[in-house]
Amino acid sequence: MAQKHSAYWQANLRLIFLLLSIWFTVPFLGGIVFVEFFNQFRLGGYKLGFWIAQQGSIYLFVVLIFIYAHCMNKLDERYREEHD
């Protein structure tokens, strides 16, 4: 039983780490590292690099919340079936 709980939390932590890494990487690369490249394009009247840094990271975070909820539902089902 303890191994199943440990495996569940390990899977949960891997998912959290993956999603937080995406949340850090996309705005960092798009809004800082490659900002000059992205600023060639416009989105809603704003330079894309600026938009990624200011608004895109917020929208990405909201999307990642829904992805996390979906993945956790699947993870819960998998470990619930193994537990029963």
PDB file of N, CA and C in Angstrom:
ATOM      1  N   MET A   1       0.822  -1.195   0.000  1.00  0.00           N
ATOM      2  CA  MET A   1       0.000   0.000   0.000  1.00  0.00           C
ATOM      3  C   MET A   1       0.865   1.257   0.000  1.00  0.00           C
ATOM      4  N   ALA A   2       1.908   1.262   0.803  1.00  0.00           N
ATOM      5  CA  ALA A   2       2.782   2.435   0.882  1.00  0.00           C
ATOM      6  C   ALA A   2       3.494   2.671  -0.447  1.00  0.00           C
ATOM      7  N   GLN A   3       3.819   1.591  -1.164  1.00  0.00           N
ATOM      8  CA  GLN A   3       4.478   1.739  -2.462  1.00  0.00           C
ATOM      9  C   GLN A   3       3.557   2.403  -3.470  1.00  0.00           C
ATOM     10  N   LYS A   4       2.269   2.070  -3.425  1.00  0.00           N
ATOM     11  CA  LYS A   4       1.315   2.674  -4.347  1.00  0.00           C
ATOM     12  C   LYS A   4       1.150   4.160  -4.064  1.00  0.00           C
ATOM     13  N   HIS A   5       1.108   4.521  -2.786  1.00  0.00           N
ATOM     14  CA  HIS A   5       1.009   5.941  -2.433  1.00  0.00           C
ATOM     15  C   HIS A   5       2.265   6.689  -2.871  1.00  0.00           C
ATOM     16  N   SER A   6       3.399   6.069  -2.669  1.00  0.00           N
ATOM     17  CA  SER A   6       4.663   6.681  -3.078  1.00  0.00           C
ATOM     18  C   SER A   6       4.721   6.850  -4.597  1.00  0.00           C
ATOM     19  N   ALA A   7       4.298   5.835  -5.328  1.00  0.00           N
ATOM     20  CA  ALA A   7       4.298   5.912  -6.788  1.00  0.00           C
ATOM     21  C   ALA A   7       3.335   6.991  -7.274  1.00  0.00           C
ATOM     22  N   TYR A   8       2.189   7.093  -6.618  1.00  0.00           N
ATOM     23  CA  TYR A   8       1.201   8.119  -6.972  1.00  0.00           C
ATOM     24  C   TYR A   8       1.806   9.511  -6.797  1.00  0.00           C
ATOM     25  N   TRP A   9       2.444   9.742  -5.654  1.00  0.00           N
ATOM     26  CA  TRP A   9       3.017  11.072  -5.405  1.00  0.00           C
ATOM     27  C   TRP A   9       4.205  11.346  -6.302  1.00  0.00           C
ATOM     28  N   GLN A  10       4.970  10.344  -6.625  1.00  0.00           N
ATOM     29  CA  GLN A  10       6.077  10.532  -7.562  1.00  0.00           C
ATOM     30  C   GLN A  10       5.552  10.947  -8.933  1.00  0.00           C
ATOM     31  N   ALA A  11       4.485  10.305  -9.386  1.00  0.00           N
ATOM     32  CA  ALA A  11       3.881  10.668 -10.666  1.00  0.00           C
ATOM     33  C   ALA A  11       3.323  12.079 -10.611  1.00  0.00           C
ATOM     34  N   ASN A  12       2.699  12.434  -9.500  1.00  0.00           N
ATOM     35  CA  ASN A  12       2.162  13.779  -9.317  1.00  0.00           C
ATOM     36  C   ASN A  12       3.283  14.818  -9.354  1.00  0.00           C
ATOM     37  N   LEU A  13       4.367  14.551  -8.661  1.00  0.00           N
ATOM     38  CA  LEU A  13       5.491  15.499  -8.636  1.00  0.00           C
ATOM     39  C   LEU A  13       6.162  15.625 -10.001  1.00  0.00           C
ATOM     40  N   ARG A  14       6.267  14.528 -10.740  1.00  0.00           N
ATOM     41  CA  ARG A  14       6.819  14.596 -12.096  1.00  0.00           C
ATOM     42  C   ARG A  14       5.948  15.482 -12.984  1.00  0.00           C
ATOM     43  N   LEU A  15       4.646  15.320 -12.872  1.00  0.00           N
ATOM     44  CA  LEU A  15       3.722  16.132 -13.659  1.00  0.00           C
ATOM     45  C   LEU A  15       3.849  17.615 -13.289  1.00  0.00           C
ATOM     46  N   ILE A  16       3.890  17.895 -12.012  1.00  0.00           N
ATOM     47  CA  ILE A  16       4.039  19.281 -11.560  1.00  0.00           C
ATOM     48  C   ILE A  16       5.345  19.867 -12.071  1.00  0.00           C
ATOM     49  N   PHE A  17       6.429  19.128 -11.950  1.00  0.00           N
ATOM     50  CA  PHE A  17       7.723  19.618 -12.420  1.00  0.00           C
ATOM     51  C   PHE A  17       7.701  19.881 -13.924  1.00  0.00           C
ATOM     52  N   LEU A  18       7.106  18.973 -14.683  1.00  0.00           N
ATOM     53  CA  LEU A  18       7.019  19.144 -16.134  1.00  0.00           C
ATOM     54  C   LEU A  18       6.232  20.405 -16.490  1.00  0.00           C
ATOM     55  N   LEU A  19       5.067  20.570 -15.885  1.00  0.00           N
ATOM     56  CA  LEU A  19       4.225  21.716 -16.218  1.00  0.00           C
ATOM     57  C   LEU A  19       4.852  23.034 -15.767  1.00  0.00           C
ATOM     58  N   LEU A  20       5.483  23.056 -14.612  1.00  0.00           N
ATOM     59  CA  LEU A  20       6.161  24.282 -14.168  1.00  0.00           C
ATOM     60  C   LEU A  20       7.374  24.589 -15.036  1.00  0.00           C
ATOM     61  N   SER A  21       8.042  23.550 -15.516  1.00  0.00           N
ATOM     62  CA  SER A  21       9.165  23.765 -16.432  1.00  0.00           C
ATOM     63  C   SER A  21       8.683  24.396 -17.738  1.00  0.00           C
ATOM     64  N   ILE A  22       7.558  23.917 -18.241  1.00  0.00           N
ATOM     65  CA  ILE A  22       6.982  24.506 -19.453  1.00  0.00           C
ATOM     66  C   ILE A  22       6.606  25.954 -19.190  1.00  0.00           C
ATOM     67  N   TRP A  23       5.986  26.201 -18.021  1.00  0.00           N
ATOM     68  CA  TRP A  23       5.551  27.556 -17.691  1.00  0.00           C
ATOM     69  C   TRP A  23       6.738  28.509 -17.576  1.00  0.00           C
ATOM     70  N   PHE A  24       7.869  28.026 -17.096  1.00  0.00           N
ATOM     71  CA  PHE A  24       9.061  28.863 -17.016  1.00  0.00           C
ATOM     72  C   PHE A  24       9.716  29.038 -18.382  1.00  0.00           C
ATOM     73  N   THR A  25       9.849  27.947 -19.118  1.00  0.00           N
ATOM     74  CA  THR A  25      10.621  27.951 -20.355  1.00  0.00           C
ATOM     75  C   THR A  25       9.983  28.790 -21.453  1.00  0.00           C
ATOM     76  N   VAL A  26       8.697  28.635 -21.670  1.00  0.00           N
ATOM     77  CA  VAL A  26       8.045  29.338 -22.778  1.00  0.00           C
ATOM     78  C   VAL A  26       8.151  30.862 -22.628  1.00  0.00           C
ATOM     79  N   PRO A  27       7.758  31.450 -21.498  1.00  0.00           N
ATOM     80  CA  PRO A  27       7.913  32.903 -21.385  1.00  0.00           C
ATOM     81  C   PRO A  27       9.379  33.345 -21.352  1.00  0.00           C
ATOM     82  N   PHE A  28      10.243  32.522 -20.756  1.00  0.00           N
ATOM     83  CA  PHE A  28      11.658  32.897 -20.695  1.00  0.00           C
ATOM     84  C   PHE A  28      12.266  32.957 -22.089  1.00  0.00           C
ATOM     85  N   LEU A  29      12.021  31.912 -22.873  1.00  0.00           N
ATOM     86  CA  LEU A  29      12.572  31.900 -24.228  1.00  0.00           C
ATOM     87  C   LEU A  29      11.852  32.896 -25.135  1.00  0.00           C
ATOM     88  N   GLY A  30      10.518  32.919 -25.064  1.00  0.00           N
ATOM     89  CA  GLY A  30       9.754  33.778 -25.953  1.00  0.00           C
ATOM     90  C   GLY A  30       9.779  35.245 -25.574  1.00  0.00           C
ATOM     91  N   GLY A  31       9.874  35.520 -24.287  1.00  0.00           N
ATOM     92  CA  GLY A  31       9.810  36.901 -23.827  1.00  0.00           C
ATOM     93  C   GLY A  31      11.141  37.526 -23.494  1.00  0.00           C
ATOM     94  N   ILE A  32      12.213  36.715 -23.426  1.00  0.00           N
ATOM     95  CA  ILE A  32      13.527  37.261 -23.067  1.00  0.00           C
ATOM     96  C   ILE A  32      14.586  36.862 -24.082  1.00  0.00           C
ATOM     97  N   VAL A  33      14.813  35.558 -24.238  1.00  0.00           N
ATOM     98  CA  VAL A  33      15.917  35.074 -25.055  1.00  0.00           C
ATOM     99  C   VAL A  33      15.702  35.378 -26.538  1.00  0.00           C
ATOM    100  N   PHE A  34      14.530  35.025 -27.055  1.00  0.00           N
ATOM    101  CA  PHE A  34      14.260  35.212 -28.488  1.00  0.00           C
ATOM    102  C   PHE A  34      13.309  36.376 -28.742  1.00  0.00           C
ATOM    103  N   VAL A  35      13.312  37.348 -27.846  1.00  0.00           N
ATOM    104  CA  VAL A  35      12.365  38.460 -27.950  1.00  0.00           C
ATOM    105  C   VAL A  35      12.547  39.250 -29.239  1.00  0.00           C
ATOM    106  N   GLU A  36      13.771  39.447 -29.688  1.00  0.00           N
ATOM    107  CA  GLU A  36      14.002  40.210 -30.914  1.00  0.00           C
ATOM    108  C   GLU A  36      13.399  39.504 -32.121  1.00  0.00           C
ATOM    109  N   PHE A  37      13.525  38.188 -32.158  1.00  0.00           N
ATOM    110  CA  PHE A  37      12.929  37.433 -33.256  1.00  0.00           C
ATOM    111  C   PHE A  37      11.406  37.549 -33.221  1.00  0.00           C
ATOM    112  N   PHE A  38      10.819  37.318 -32.055  1.00  0.00           N
ATOM    113  CA  PHE A  38       9.363  37.347 -31.945  1.00  0.00           C
ATOM    114  C   PHE A  38       8.786  38.743 -32.127  1.00  0.00           C
ATOM    115  N   ASN A  39       9.570  39.765 -31.838  1.00  0.00           N
ATOM    116  CA  ASN A  39       9.073  41.132 -31.986  1.00  0.00           C
ATOM    117  C   ASN A  39       8.887  41.533 -33.445  1.00  0.00           C
ATOM    118  N   GLN A  40       9.328  40.719 -34.376  1.00  0.00           N
ATOM    119  CA  GLN A  40       9.066  40.978 -35.794  1.00  0.00           C
ATOM    120  C   GLN A  40       7.586  40.809 -36.110  1.00  0.00           C
ATOM    121  N   PHE A  41       6.896  40.049 -35.288  1.00  0.00           N
ATOM    122  CA  PHE A  41       5.490  39.731 -35.503  1.00  0.00           C
ATOM    123  C   PHE A  41       4.632  40.490 -34.503  1.00  0.00           C
ATOM    124  N   ARG A  42       3.385  40.679 -34.852  1.00  0.00           N
ATOM    125  CA  ARG A  42       2.465  41.386 -33.959  1.00  0.00           C
ATOM    126  C   ARG A  42       1.255  40.516 -33.657  1.00  0.00           C
ATOM    127  N   LEU A  43       0.741  40.684 -32.445  1.00  0.00           N
ATOM    128  CA  LEU A  43      -0.462  39.981 -32.009  1.00  0.00           C
ATOM    129  C   LEU A  43      -1.328  40.992 -31.276  1.00  0.00           C
ATOM    130  N   GLY A  44      -2.474  41.299 -31.848  1.00  0.00           N
ATOM    131  CA  GLY A  44      -3.362  42.276 -31.221  1.00  0.00           C
ATOM    132  C   GLY A  44      -2.766  43.670 -31.169  1.00  0.00           C
ATOM    133  N   GLY A  45      -1.897  43.995 -32.123  1.00  0.00           N
ATOM    134  CA  GLY A  45      -1.288  45.312 -32.152  1.00  0.00           C
ATOM    135  C   GLY A  45      -0.013  45.439 -31.335  1.00  0.00           C
ATOM    136  N   TYR A  46       0.358  44.406 -30.620  1.00  0.00           N
ATOM    137  CA  TYR A  46       1.564  44.431 -29.784  1.00  0.00           C
ATOM    138  C   TYR A  46       2.626  43.518 -30.374  1.00  0.00           C
ATOM    139  N   LYS A  47       3.862  43.848 -30.112  1.00  0.00           N
ATOM    140  CA  LYS A  47       4.954  42.973 -30.540  1.00  0.00           C
ATOM    141  C   LYS A  47       4.806  41.636 -29.829  1.00  0.00           C
ATOM    142  N   LEU A  48       5.025  40.555 -30.571  1.00  0.00           N
ATOM    143  CA  LEU A  48       4.780  39.212 -30.041  1.00  0.00           C
ATOM    144  C   LEU A  48       5.668  38.895 -28.839  1.00  0.00           C
ATOM    145  N   GLY A  49       6.926  39.297 -28.850  1.00  0.00           N
ATOM    146  CA  GLY A  49       7.803  39.044 -27.705  1.00  0.00           C
ATOM    147  C   GLY A  49       7.280  39.696 -26.442  1.00  0.00           C
ATOM    148  N   PHE A  50       6.803  40.936 -26.572  1.00  0.00           N
ATOM    149  CA  PHE A  50       6.206  41.629 -25.422  1.00  0.00           C
ATOM    150  C   PHE A  50       4.943  40.908 -24.972  1.00  0.00           C
ATOM    151  N   TRP A  51       4.108  40.515 -25.935  1.00  0.00           N
ATOM    152  CA  TRP A  51       2.854  39.845 -25.606  1.00  0.00           C
ATOM    153  C   TRP A  51       3.104  38.531 -24.880  1.00  0.00           C
ATOM    154  N   ILE A  52       4.089  37.753 -25.341  1.00  0.00           N
ATOM    155  CA  ILE A  52       4.412  36.482 -24.684  1.00  0.00           C
ATOM    156  C   ILE A  52       4.829  36.728 -23.237  1.00  0.00           C
ATOM    157  N   ALA A  53       5.662  37.735 -23.030  1.00  0.00           N
ATOM    158  CA  ALA A  53       6.152  38.020 -21.687  1.00  0.00           C
ATOM    159  C   ALA A  53       5.047  38.529 -20.770  1.00  0.00           C
ATOM    160  N   GLN A  54       4.130  39.336 -21.292  1.00  0.00           N
ATOM    161  CA  GLN A  54       3.127  39.967 -20.448  1.00  0.00           C
ATOM    162  C   GLN A  54       1.829  39.163 -20.337  1.00  0.00           C
ATOM    163  N   GLN A  55       1.259  38.774 -21.457  1.00  0.00           N
ATOM    164  CA  GLN A  55      -0.038  38.108 -21.440  1.00  0.00           C
ATOM    165  C   GLN A  55       0.071  36.605 -21.687  1.00  0.00           C
ATOM    166  N   GLY A  56       0.986  36.230 -22.558  1.00  0.00           N
ATOM    167  CA  GLY A  56       1.104  34.829 -22.934  1.00  0.00           C
ATOM    168  C   GLY A  56       1.399  33.927 -21.768  1.00  0.00           C
ATOM    169  N   SER A  57       2.239  34.376 -20.835  1.00  0.00           N
ATOM    170  CA  SER A  57       2.575  33.532 -19.690  1.00  0.00           C
ATOM    171  C   SER A  57       1.357  33.315 -18.794  1.00  0.00           C
ATOM    172  N   ILE A  58       0.481  34.305 -18.714  1.00  0.00           N
ATOM    173  CA  ILE A  58      -0.732  34.159 -17.905  1.00  0.00           C
ATOM    174  C   ILE A  58      -1.686  33.172 -18.572  1.00  0.00           C
ATOM    175  N   TYR A  59      -1.881  33.331 -19.884  1.00  0.00           N
ATOM    176  CA  TYR A  59      -2.750  32.405 -20.606  1.00  0.00           C
ATOM    177  C   TYR A  59      -2.194  30.990 -20.566  1.00  0.00           C
ATOM    178  N   LEU A  60      -0.884  30.872 -20.704  1.00  0.00           N
ATOM    179  CA  LEU A  60      -0.253  29.562 -20.643  1.00  0.00           C
ATOM    180  C   LEU A  60      -0.490  28.922 -19.281  1.00  0.00           C
ATOM    181  N   PHE A  61      -0.388  29.696 -18.214  1.00  0.00           N
ATOM    182  CA  PHE A  61      -0.607  29.176 -16.868  1.00  0.00           C
ATOM    183  C   PHE A  61      -2.020  28.629 -16.723  1.00  0.00           C
ATOM    184  N   VAL A  62      -3.001  29.354 -17.242  1.00  0.00           N
ATOM    185  CA  VAL A  62      -4.394  28.893 -17.160  1.00  0.00           C
ATOM    186  C   VAL A  62      -4.567  27.593 -17.939  1.00  0.00           C
ATOM    187  N   VAL A  63      -3.976  27.507 -19.119  1.00  0.00           N
ATOM    188  CA  VAL A  63      -4.052  26.279 -19.912  1.00  0.00           C
ATOM    189  C   VAL A  63      -3.383  25.126 -19.158  1.00  0.00           C
ATOM    190  N   LEU A  64      -2.249  25.394 -18.535  1.00  0.00           N
ATOM    191  CA  LEU A  64      -1.549  24.350 -17.786  1.00  0.00           C
ATOM    192  C   LEU A  64      -2.358  23.873 -16.585  1.00  0.00           C
ATOM    193  N   ILE A  65      -3.159  24.745 -16.001  1.00  0.00           N
ATOM    194  CA  ILE A  65      -4.032  24.332 -14.897  1.00  0.00           C
ATOM    195  C   ILE A  65      -5.035  23.294 -15.400  1.00  0.00           C
ATOM    196  N   PHE A  66      -5.634  23.549 -16.564  1.00  0.00           N
ATOM    197  CA  PHE A  66      -6.587  22.586 -17.115  1.00  0.00           C
ATOM    198  C   PHE A  66      -5.896  21.283 -17.506  1.00  0.00           C
ATOM    199  N   ILE A  67      -4.695  21.376 -18.046  1.00  0.00           N
ATOM    200  CA  ILE A  67      -3.935  20.156 -18.374  1.00  0.00           C
ATOM    201  C   ILE A  67      -3.628  19.374 -17.104  1.00  0.00           C
ATOM    202  N   TYR A  68      -3.233  20.066 -16.051  1.00  0.00           N
ATOM    203  CA  TYR A  68      -2.939  19.404 -14.779  1.00  0.00           C
ATOM    204  C   TYR A  68      -4.185  18.688 -14.242  1.00  0.00           C
ATOM    205  N   ALA A  69      -5.323  19.367 -14.273  1.00  0.00           N
ATOM    206  CA  ALA A  69      -6.564  18.763 -13.773  1.00  0.00           C
ATOM    207  C   ALA A  69      -6.912  17.518 -14.580  1.00  0.00           C
ATOM    208  N   HIS A  70      -6.787  17.599 -15.898  1.00  0.00           N
ATOM    209  CA  HIS A  70      -7.080  16.452 -16.755  1.00  0.00           C
ATOM    210  C   HIS A  70      -6.133  15.289 -16.454  1.00  0.00           C
ATOM    211  N   CYS A  71      -4.849  15.573 -16.382  1.00  0.00           N
ATOM    212  CA  CYS A  71      -3.864  14.513 -16.114  1.00  0.00           C
ATOM    213  C   CYS A  71      -4.048  13.918 -14.725  1.00  0.00           C
ATOM    214  N   MET A  72      -4.393  14.740 -13.742  1.00  0.00           N
ATOM    215  CA  MET A  72      -4.596  14.216 -12.394  1.00  0.00           C
ATOM    216  C   MET A  72      -5.848  13.339 -12.330  1.00  0.00           C
ATOM    217  N   ASN A  73      -6.876  13.681 -13.095  1.00  0.00           N
ATOM    218  CA  ASN A  73      -8.058  12.815 -13.145  1.00  0.00           C
ATOM    219  C   ASN A  73      -7.688  11.439 -13.687  1.00  0.00           C
ATOM    220  N   LYS A  74      -6.884  11.425 -14.748  1.00  0.00           N
ATOM    221  CA  LYS A  74      -6.444  10.146 -15.308  1.00  0.00           C
ATOM    222  C   LYS A  74      -5.567   9.385 -14.311  1.00  0.00           C
ATOM    223  N   LEU A  75      -4.681  10.106 -13.639  1.00  0.00           N
ATOM    224  CA  LEU A  75      -3.794   9.487 -12.654  1.00  0.00           C
ATOM    225  C   LEU A  75      -4.603   8.926 -11.482  1.00  0.00           C
ATOM    226  N   ASP A  76      -5.584   9.691 -11.022  1.00  0.00           N
ATOM    227  CA  ASP A  76      -6.445   9.212  -9.938  1.00  0.00           C
ATOM    228  C   ASP A  76      -7.184   7.945 -10.339  1.00  0.00           C
ATOM    229  N   GLU A  77      -7.717   7.923 -11.561  1.00  0.00           N
ATOM    230  CA  GLU A  77      -8.427   6.733 -12.022  1.00  0.00           C
ATOM    231  C   GLU A  77      -7.505   5.531 -12.072  1.00  0.00           C
ATOM    232  N   ARG A  78      -6.299   5.740 -12.565  1.00  0.00           N
ATOM    233  CA  ARG A  78      -5.354   4.628 -12.680  1.00  0.00           C
ATOM    234  C   ARG A  78      -5.008   4.050 -11.309  1.00  0.00           C
ATOM    235  N   TYR A  79      -4.731   4.928 -10.347  1.00  0.00           N
ATOM    236  CA  TYR A  79      -4.347   4.415  -9.041  1.00  0.00           C
ATOM    237  C   TYR A  79      -5.551   3.950  -8.225  1.00  0.00           C
ATOM    238  N   ARG A  80      -6.720   4.474  -8.524  1.00  0.00           N
ATOM    239  CA  ARG A  80      -7.938   3.999  -7.861  1.00  0.00           C
ATOM    240  C   ARG A  80      -8.234   2.579  -8.306  1.00  0.00           C
ATOM    241  N   GLU A  81      -8.065   2.294  -9.610  1.00  0.00           N
ATOM    242  CA  GLU A  81      -8.294   0.951 -10.121  1.00  0.00           C
ATOM    243  C   GLU A  81      -7.301  -0.036  -9.535  1.00  0.00           C
ATOM    244  N   GLU A  82      -6.064   0.388  -9.369  1.00  0.00           N
ATOM    245  CA  GLU A  82      -5.065  -0.498  -8.786  1.00  0.00           C
ATOM    246  C   GLU A  82      -5.319  -0.719  -7.301  1.00  0.00           C
ATOM    247  N   HIS A  83      -5.919   0.278  -6.652  1.00  0.00           N
ATOM    248  CA  HIS A  83      -6.161   0.197  -5.220  1.00  0.00           C
ATOM    249  C   HIS A  83      -7.354  -0.708  -4.909  1.00  0.00           C
ATOM    250  N   ASP A  84      -8.369  -0.705  -5.778  1.00  0.00           N
ATOM    251  CA  ASP A  84      -9.581  -1.514  -5.537  1.00  0.00           C
ATOM    252  C   ASP A  84      -9.333  -2.993  -5.678  1.00  0.00           C
TER     253      ASP A  84
END
